[in-house]
Amino acid sequence: MSDYFTETDAAALLRTLGVPIQSRTLANKRWAGTGPLFVKVGLRVRYRRADLEEYAAKMIGPPVRSTSDVTRARLIAE
């Protein structure tokens, strides 16, 4: 299997990694500059597996025990 994913396949992979996202949302995030890194292959957009996994890890964040721990966990992660 290739390490380069189409927009549809990238969204499917992100969903399996725990990030609920649709391909259209992925396109909007790419346009806004808030999505995962991507590469251009000619005129086509492709996503690399490593970049998608990194993006998923950032979106999910570290585990916490309570909502008051969320801020503390974000400060530690930064």
PDB file of N, CA and C in Angstrom:
ATOM      1  N   MET A   1       0.840  -1.192   0.000  1.00  0.00           N
ATOM      2  CA  MET A   1       0.000   0.000   0.000  1.00  0.00           C
ATOM      3  C   MET A   1       0.882   1.251   0.000  1.00  0.00           C
ATOM      4  N   SER A   2       0.467   2.222  -0.726  1.00  0.00           N
ATOM      5  CA  SER A   2       1.213   3.461  -0.855  1.00  0.00           C
ATOM      6  C   SER A   2       1.127   4.274   0.430  1.00  0.00           C
ATOM      7  N   ASP A   3       2.157   5.065   0.692  1.00  0.00           N
ATOM      8  CA  ASP A   3       2.142   5.961   1.838  1.00  0.00           C
ATOM      9  C   ASP A   3       1.540   7.311   1.483  1.00  0.00           C
ATOM     10  N   TYR A   4       1.048   7.467   0.273  1.00  0.00           N
ATOM     11  CA  TYR A   4       0.403   8.702  -0.167  1.00  0.00           C
ATOM     12  C   TYR A   4      -1.082   8.457  -0.351  1.00  0.00           C
ATOM     13  N   PHE A   5      -1.903   9.295   0.280  1.00  0.00           N
ATOM     14  CA  PHE A   5      -3.340   9.090   0.309  1.00  0.00           C
ATOM     15  C   PHE A   5      -4.075  10.212  -0.412  1.00  0.00           C
ATOM     16  N   THR A   6      -5.139   9.855  -1.104  1.00  0.00           N
ATOM     17  CA  THR A   6      -6.033  10.860  -1.676  1.00  0.00           C
ATOM     18  C   THR A   6      -6.782  11.513  -0.523  1.00  0.00           C
ATOM     19  N   GLU A   7      -7.499  12.573  -0.816  1.00  0.00           N
ATOM     20  CA  GLU A   7      -8.273  13.270   0.207  1.00  0.00           C
ATOM     21  C   GLU A   7      -9.289  12.331   0.872  1.00  0.00           C
ATOM     22  N   THR A   8      -9.987  11.548   0.072  1.00  0.00           N
ATOM     23  CA  THR A   8     -10.983  10.618   0.596  1.00  0.00           C
ATOM     24  C   THR A   8     -10.338   9.550   1.468  1.00  0.00           C
ATOM     25  N   ASP A   9      -9.235   8.981   0.992  1.00  0.00           N
ATOM     26  CA  ASP A   9      -8.540   7.950   1.763  1.00  0.00           C
ATOM     27  C   ASP A   9      -7.903   8.529   3.022  1.00  0.00           C
ATOM     28  N   ALA A  10      -7.423   9.756   2.944  1.00  0.00           N
ATOM     29  CA  ALA A  10      -6.825  10.409   4.112  1.00  0.00           C
ATOM     30  C   ALA A  10      -7.876  10.619   5.198  1.00  0.00           C
ATOM     31  N   ALA A  11      -9.058  11.074   4.799  1.00  0.00           N
ATOM     32  CA  ALA A  11     -10.137  11.268   5.773  1.00  0.00           C
ATOM     33  C   ALA A  11     -10.531   9.934   6.407  1.00  0.00           C
ATOM     34  N   ALA A  12     -10.568   8.878   5.603  1.00  0.00           N
ATOM     35  CA  ALA A  12     -10.907   7.554   6.134  1.00  0.00           C
ATOM     36  C   ALA A  12      -9.848   7.085   7.134  1.00  0.00           C
ATOM     37  N   LEU A  13      -8.582   7.303   6.828  1.00  0.00           N
ATOM     38  CA  LEU A  13      -7.513   6.924   7.751  1.00  0.00           C
ATOM     39  C   LEU A  13      -7.613   7.718   9.044  1.00  0.00           C
ATOM     40  N   LEU A  14      -7.855   9.017   8.942  1.00  0.00           N
ATOM     41  CA  LEU A  14      -7.987   9.845  10.145  1.00  0.00           C
ATOM     42  C   LEU A  14      -9.143   9.352  11.012  1.00  0.00           C
ATOM     43  N   ARG A  15     -10.247   8.945  10.390  1.00  0.00           N
ATOM     44  CA  ARG A  15     -11.371   8.414  11.165  1.00  0.00           C
ATOM     45  C   ARG A  15     -10.982   7.140  11.900  1.00  0.00           C
ATOM     46  N   THR A  16     -10.174   6.284  11.263  1.00  0.00           N
ATOM     47  CA  THR A  16      -9.738   5.067  11.952  1.00  0.00           C
ATOM     48  C   THR A  16      -8.774   5.390  13.090  1.00  0.00           C
ATOM     49  N   LEU A  17      -8.113   6.541  13.005  1.00  0.00           N
ATOM     50  CA  LEU A  17      -7.197   6.971  14.066  1.00  0.00           C
ATOM     51  C   LEU A  17      -7.917   7.754  15.166  1.00  0.00           C
ATOM     52  N   GLY A  18      -9.218   7.943  15.029  1.00  0.00           N
ATOM     53  CA  GLY A  18     -10.011   8.593  16.064  1.00  0.00           C
ATOM     54  C   GLY A  18     -10.384  10.036  15.812  1.00  0.00           C
ATOM     55  N   VAL A  19     -10.082  10.557  14.639  1.00  0.00           N
ATOM     56  CA  VAL A  19     -10.431  11.944  14.311  1.00  0.00           C
ATOM     57  C   VAL A  19     -11.634  11.922  13.371  1.00  0.00           C
ATOM     58  N   PRO A  20     -12.817  12.306  13.856  1.00  0.00           N
ATOM     59  CA  PRO A  20     -14.009  12.277  13.015  1.00  0.00           C
ATOM     60  C   PRO A  20     -13.993  13.426  11.997  1.00  0.00           C
ATOM     61  N   ILE A  21     -13.678  13.110  10.751  1.00  0.00           N
ATOM     62  CA  ILE A  21     -13.536  14.148   9.727  1.00  0.00           C
ATOM     63  C   ILE A  21     -13.990  13.593   8.380  1.00  0.00           C
ATOM     64  N   GLN A  22     -14.575  14.447   7.580  1.00  0.00           N
ATOM     65  CA  GLN A  22     -14.994  14.085   6.227  1.00  0.00           C
ATOM     66  C   GLN A  22     -14.001  14.690   5.232  1.00  0.00           C
ATOM     67  N   SER A  23     -13.968  14.156   4.038  1.00  0.00           N
ATOM     68  CA  SER A  23     -13.006  14.635   3.042  1.00  0.00           C
ATOM     69  C   SER A  23     -13.228  16.109   2.697  1.00  0.00           C
ATOM     70  N   ARG A  24     -14.478  16.557   2.682  1.00  0.00           N
ATOM     71  CA  ARG A  24     -14.750  17.964   2.372  1.00  0.00           C
ATOM     72  C   ARG A  24     -14.198  18.877   3.474  1.00  0.00           C
ATOM     73  N   THR A  25     -14.318  18.448   4.717  1.00  0.00           N
ATOM     74  CA  THR A  25     -13.767  19.216   5.834  1.00  0.00           C
ATOM     75  C   THR A  25     -12.248  19.257   5.737  1.00  0.00           C
ATOM     76  N   LEU A  26     -11.663  18.146   5.330  1.00  0.00           N
ATOM     77  CA  LEU A  26     -10.216  18.088   5.145  1.00  0.00           C
ATOM     78  C   LEU A  26      -9.778  19.099   4.081  1.00  0.00           C
ATOM     79  N   ALA A  27     -10.548  19.207   3.002  1.00  0.00           N
ATOM     80  CA  ALA A  27     -10.246  20.184   1.955  1.00  0.00           C
ATOM     81  C   ALA A  27     -10.360  21.609   2.489  1.00  0.00           C
ATOM     82  N   ASN A  28     -11.386  21.878   3.282  1.00  0.00           N
ATOM     83  CA  ASN A  28     -11.555  23.219   3.865  1.00  0.00           C
ATOM     84  C   ASN A  28     -10.404  23.550   4.806  1.00  0.00           C
ATOM     85  N   LYS A  29      -9.984  22.578   5.599  1.00  0.00           N
ATOM     86  CA  LYS A  29      -8.863  22.799   6.515  1.00  0.00           C
ATOM     87  C   LYS A  29      -7.570  23.030   5.733  1.00  0.00           C
ATOM     88  N   ARG A  30      -7.404  22.349   4.626  1.00  0.00           N
ATOM     89  CA  ARG A  30      -6.215  22.559   3.788  1.00  0.00           C
ATOM     90  C   ARG A  30      -6.206  23.987   3.257  1.00  0.00           C
ATOM     91  N   TRP A  31      -7.347  24.457   2.807  1.00  0.00           N
ATOM     92  CA  TRP A  31      -7.451  25.812   2.271  1.00  0.00           C
ATOM     93  C   TRP A  31      -7.151  26.850   3.362  1.00  0.00           C
ATOM     94  N   ALA A  32      -7.628  26.574   4.589  1.00  0.00           N
ATOM     95  CA  ALA A  32      -7.425  27.514   5.696  1.00  0.00           C
ATOM     96  C   ALA A  32      -6.042  27.372   6.331  1.00  0.00           C
ATOM     97  N   GLY A  33      -5.333  26.304   6.006  1.00  0.00           N
ATOM     98  CA  GLY A  33      -4.013  26.087   6.580  1.00  0.00           C
ATOM     99  C   GLY A  33      -4.042  25.480   7.973  1.00  0.00           C
ATOM    100  N   THR A  34      -5.148  24.842   8.340  1.00  0.00           N
ATOM    101  CA  THR A  34      -5.282  24.281   9.682  1.00  0.00           C
ATOM    102  C   THR A  34      -5.311  22.751   9.682  1.00  0.00           C
ATOM    103  N   GLY A  35      -5.164  22.147   8.542  1.00  0.00           N
ATOM    104  CA  GLY A  35      -5.208  20.691   8.447  1.00  0.00           C
ATOM    105  C   GLY A  35      -3.826  20.073   8.462  1.00  0.00           C
ATOM    106  N   PRO A  36      -3.764  18.787   8.174  1.00  0.00           N
ATOM    107  CA  PRO A  36      -2.469  18.106   8.133  1.00  0.00           C
ATOM    108  C   PRO A  36      -1.640  18.582   6.938  1.00  0.00           C
ATOM    109  N   LEU A  37      -0.324  18.382   7.020  1.00  0.00           N
ATOM    110  CA  LEU A  37       0.545  18.713   5.900  1.00  0.00           C
ATOM    111  C   LEU A  37       0.166  17.870   4.695  1.00  0.00           C
ATOM    112  N   PHE A  38       0.407  18.398   3.502  1.00  0.00           N
ATOM    113  CA  PHE A  38       0.103  17.669   2.270  1.00  0.00           C
ATOM    114  C   PHE A  38       1.186  17.958   1.253  1.00  0.00           C
ATOM    115  N   VAL A  39       1.195  17.177   0.192  1.00  0.00           N
ATOM    116  CA  VAL A  39       2.129  17.394  -0.916  1.00  0.00           C
ATOM    117  C   VAL A  39       1.319  17.468  -2.206  1.00  0.00           C
ATOM    118  N   LYS A  40       1.907  18.101  -3.191  1.00  0.00           N
ATOM    119  CA  LYS A  40       1.286  18.146  -4.513  1.00  0.00           C
ATOM    120  C   LYS A  40       2.056  17.205  -5.424  1.00  0.00           C
ATOM    121  N   VAL A  41       1.329  16.337  -6.095  1.00  0.00           N
ATOM    122  CA  VAL A  41       1.900  15.442  -7.096  1.00  0.00           C
ATOM    123  C   VAL A  41       1.285  15.887  -8.418  1.00  0.00           C
ATOM    124  N   GLY A  42       2.023  16.701  -9.139  1.00  0.00           N
ATOM    125  CA  GLY A  42       1.436  17.345 -10.312  1.00  0.00           C
ATOM    126  C   GLY A  42       0.385  18.318  -9.827  1.00  0.00           C
ATOM    127  N   LEU A  43      -0.845  18.129 -10.274  1.00  0.00           N
ATOM    128  CA  LEU A  43      -1.954  18.976  -9.825  1.00  0.00           C
ATOM    129  C   LEU A  43      -2.744  18.335  -8.688  1.00  0.00           C
ATOM    130  N   ARG A  44      -2.392  17.126  -8.324  1.00  0.00           N
ATOM    131  CA  ARG A  44      -3.151  16.381  -7.322  1.00  0.00           C
ATOM    132  C   ARG A  44      -2.592  16.583  -5.924  1.00  0.00           C
ATOM    133  N   VAL A  45      -3.488  16.647  -4.959  1.00  0.00           N
ATOM    134  CA  VAL A  45      -3.117  16.753  -3.547  1.00  0.00           C
ATOM    135  C   VAL A  45      -3.024  15.352  -2.968  1.00  0.00           C
ATOM    136  N   ARG A  46      -1.955  15.097  -2.231  1.00  0.00           N
ATOM    137  CA  ARG A  46      -1.780  13.810  -1.560  1.00  0.00           C
ATOM    138  C   ARG A  46      -1.313  14.070  -0.134  1.00  0.00           C
ATOM    139  N   TYR A  47      -1.693  13.162   0.746  1.00  0.00           N
ATOM    140  CA  TYR A  47      -1.308  13.234   2.152  1.00  0.00           C
ATOM    141  C   TYR A  47      -0.408  12.053   2.477  1.00  0.00           C
ATOM    142  N   ARG A  48       0.643  12.314   3.238  1.00  0.00           N
ATOM    143  CA  ARG A  48       1.542  11.238   3.651  1.00  0.00           C
ATOM    144  C   ARG A  48       1.054  10.645   4.962  1.00  0.00           C
ATOM    145  N   ARG A  49       1.220   9.339   5.093  1.00  0.00           N
ATOM    146  CA  ARG A  49       0.751   8.636   6.288  1.00  0.00           C
ATOM    147  C   ARG A  49       1.330   9.258   7.569  1.00  0.00           C
ATOM    148  N   ALA A  50       2.612   9.531   7.589  1.00  0.00           N
ATOM    149  CA  ALA A  50       3.252  10.079   8.785  1.00  0.00           C
ATOM    150  C   ALA A  50       2.634  11.424   9.177  1.00  0.00           C
ATOM    151  N   ASP A  51       2.321  12.263   8.195  1.00  0.00           N
ATOM    152  CA  ASP A  51       1.716  13.566   8.474  1.00  0.00           C
ATOM    153  C   ASP A  51       0.301  13.408   9.027  1.00  0.00           C
ATOM    154  N   LEU A  52      -0.434  12.438   8.505  1.00  0.00           N
ATOM    155  CA  LEU A  52      -1.792  12.182   8.990  1.00  0.00           C
ATOM    156  C   LEU A  52      -1.762  11.657  10.423  1.00  0.00           C
ATOM    157  N   GLU A  53      -0.823  10.768  10.713  1.00  0.00           N
ATOM    158  CA  GLU A  53      -0.709  10.232  12.071  1.00  0.00           C
ATOM    159  C   GLU A  53      -0.308  11.317  13.062  1.00  0.00           C
ATOM    160  N   GLU A  54       0.586  12.204  12.644  1.00  0.00           N
ATOM    161  CA  GLU A  54       0.997  13.322  13.505  1.00  0.00           C
ATOM    162  C   GLU A  54      -0.174  14.261  13.762  1.00  0.00           C
ATOM    163  N   TYR A  55      -0.939  14.558  12.732  1.00  0.00           N
ATOM    164  CA  TYR A  55      -2.110  15.432  12.864  1.00  0.00           C
ATOM    165  C   TYR A  55      -3.130  14.812  13.817  1.00  0.00           C
ATOM    166  N   ALA A  56      -3.364  13.514  13.670  1.00  0.00           N
ATOM    167  CA  ALA A  56      -4.317  12.825  14.546  1.00  0.00           C
ATOM    168  C   ALA A  56      -3.855  12.898  15.999  1.00  0.00           C
ATOM    169  N   ALA A  57      -2.571  12.708  16.227  1.00  0.00           N
ATOM    170  CA  ALA A  57      -2.036  12.767  17.593  1.00  0.00           C
ATOM    171  C   ALA A  57      -2.234  14.156  18.195  1.00  0.00           C
ATOM    172  N   LYS A  58      -2.063  15.196  17.393  1.00  0.00           N
ATOM    173  CA  LYS A  58      -2.262  16.563  17.877  1.00  0.00           C
ATOM    174  C   LYS A  58      -3.734  16.848  18.157  1.00  0.00           C
ATOM    175  N   MET A  59      -4.614  16.329  17.320  1.00  0.00           N
ATOM    176  CA  MET A  59      -6.045  16.574  17.479  1.00  0.00           C
ATOM    177  C   MET A  59      -6.614  15.849  18.692  1.00  0.00           C
ATOM    178  N   ILE A  60      -6.101  14.682  18.976  1.00  0.00           N
ATOM    179  CA  ILE A  60      -6.646  13.893  20.075  1.00  0.00           C
ATOM    180  C   ILE A  60      -6.139  14.402  21.416  1.00  0.00           C
ATOM    181  N   GLY A  61      -4.878  14.720  21.519  1.00  0.00           N
ATOM    182  CA  GLY A  61      -4.326  15.255  22.750  1.00  0.00           C
ATOM    183  C   GLY A  61      -4.055  14.169  23.783  1.00  0.00           C
ATOM    184  N   PRO A  62      -3.413  14.553  24.883  1.00  0.00           N
ATOM    185  CA  PRO A  62      -3.050  13.588  25.906  1.00  0.00           C
ATOM    186  C   PRO A  62      -4.253  13.178  26.758  1.00  0.00           C
ATOM    187  N   PRO A  63      -4.191  12.006  27.386  1.00  0.00           N
ATOM    188  CA  PRO A  63      -5.290  11.585  28.263  1.00  0.00           C
ATOM    189  C   PRO A  63      -5.294  12.404  29.558  1.00  0.00           C
ATOM    190  N   VAL A  64      -6.487  12.669  30.079  1.00  0.00           N
ATOM    191  CA  VAL A  64      -6.652  13.412  31.330  1.00  0.00           C
ATOM    192  C   VAL A  64      -7.699  12.714  32.193  1.00  0.00           C
ATOM    193  N   ARG A  65      -7.701  13.002  33.481  1.00  0.00           N
ATOM    194  CA  ARG A  65      -8.664  12.391  34.404  1.00  0.00           C
ATOM    195  C   ARG A  65      -9.908  13.251  34.610  1.00  0.00           C
ATOM    196  N   SER A  66      -9.783  14.575  34.456  1.00  0.00           N
ATOM    197  CA  SER A  66     -10.942  15.442  34.640  1.00  0.00           C
ATOM    198  C   SER A  66     -10.825  16.646  33.718  1.00  0.00           C
ATOM    199  N   THR A  67     -11.923  17.386  33.601  1.00  0.00           N
ATOM    200  CA  THR A  67     -11.903  18.558  32.724  1.00  0.00           C
ATOM    201  C   THR A  67     -10.956  19.629  33.233  1.00  0.00           C
ATOM    202  N   SER A  68     -10.709  19.677  34.534  1.00  0.00           N
ATOM    203  CA  SER A  68      -9.762  20.666  35.060  1.00  0.00           C
ATOM    204  C   SER A  68      -8.328  20.316  34.686  1.00  0.00           C
ATOM    205  N   ASP A  69      -8.077  19.055  34.318  1.00  0.00           N
ATOM    206  CA  ASP A  69      -6.739  18.642  33.902  1.00  0.00           C
ATOM    207  C   ASP A  69      -6.437  19.006  32.456  1.00  0.00           C
ATOM    208  N   VAL A  70      -7.437  19.356  31.672  1.00  0.00           N
ATOM    209  CA  VAL A  70      -7.238  19.626  30.250  1.00  0.00           C
ATOM    210  C   VAL A  70      -6.270  20.778  30.042  1.00  0.00           C
ATOM    211  N   THR A  71      -6.446  21.886  30.752  1.00  0.00           N
ATOM    212  CA  THR A  71      -5.569  23.033  30.604  1.00  0.00           C
ATOM    213  C   THR A  71      -4.147  22.669  31.015  1.00  0.00           C
ATOM    214  N   ARG A  72      -4.002  21.962  32.110  1.00  0.00           N
ATOM    215  CA  ARG A  72      -2.694  21.557  32.587  1.00  0.00           C
ATOM    216  C   ARG A  72      -2.011  20.636  31.575  1.00  0.00           C
ATOM    217  N   ALA A  73      -2.758  19.701  30.991  1.00  0.00           N
ATOM    218  CA  ALA A  73      -2.199  18.779  30.007  1.00  0.00           C
ATOM    219  C   ALA A  73      -1.751  19.522  28.750  1.00  0.00           C
ATOM    220  N   ARG A  74      -2.491  20.539  28.339  1.00  0.00           N
ATOM    221  CA  ARG A  74      -2.097  21.324  27.163  1.00  0.00           C
ATOM    222  C   ARG A  74      -0.818  22.089  27.432  1.00  0.00           C
ATOM    223  N   LEU A  75      -0.668  22.641  28.631  1.00  0.00           N
ATOM    224  CA  LEU A  75       0.541  23.383  28.965  1.00  0.00           C
ATOM    225  C   LEU A  75       1.753  22.471  28.993  1.00  0.00           C
ATOM    226  N   ILE A  76       1.579  21.266  29.488  1.00  0.00           N
ATOM    227  CA  ILE A  76       2.693  20.302  29.532  1.00  0.00           C
ATOM    228  C   ILE A  76       3.089  19.885  28.120  1.00  0.00           C
ATOM    229  N   ALA A  77       2.099  19.684  27.248  1.00  0.00           N
ATOM    230  CA  ALA A  77       2.364  19.241  25.876  1.00  0.00           C
ATOM    231  C   ALA A  77       3.104  20.304  25.075  1.00  0.00           C
ATOM    232  N   GLU A  78       2.900  21.553  25.387  1.00  0.00           N
ATOM    233  CA  GLU A  78       3.555  22.635  24.644  1.00  0.00           C
ATOM    234  C   GLU A  78       4.912  22.826  25.173  1.00  0.00           C
TER     235      GLU A  78
END
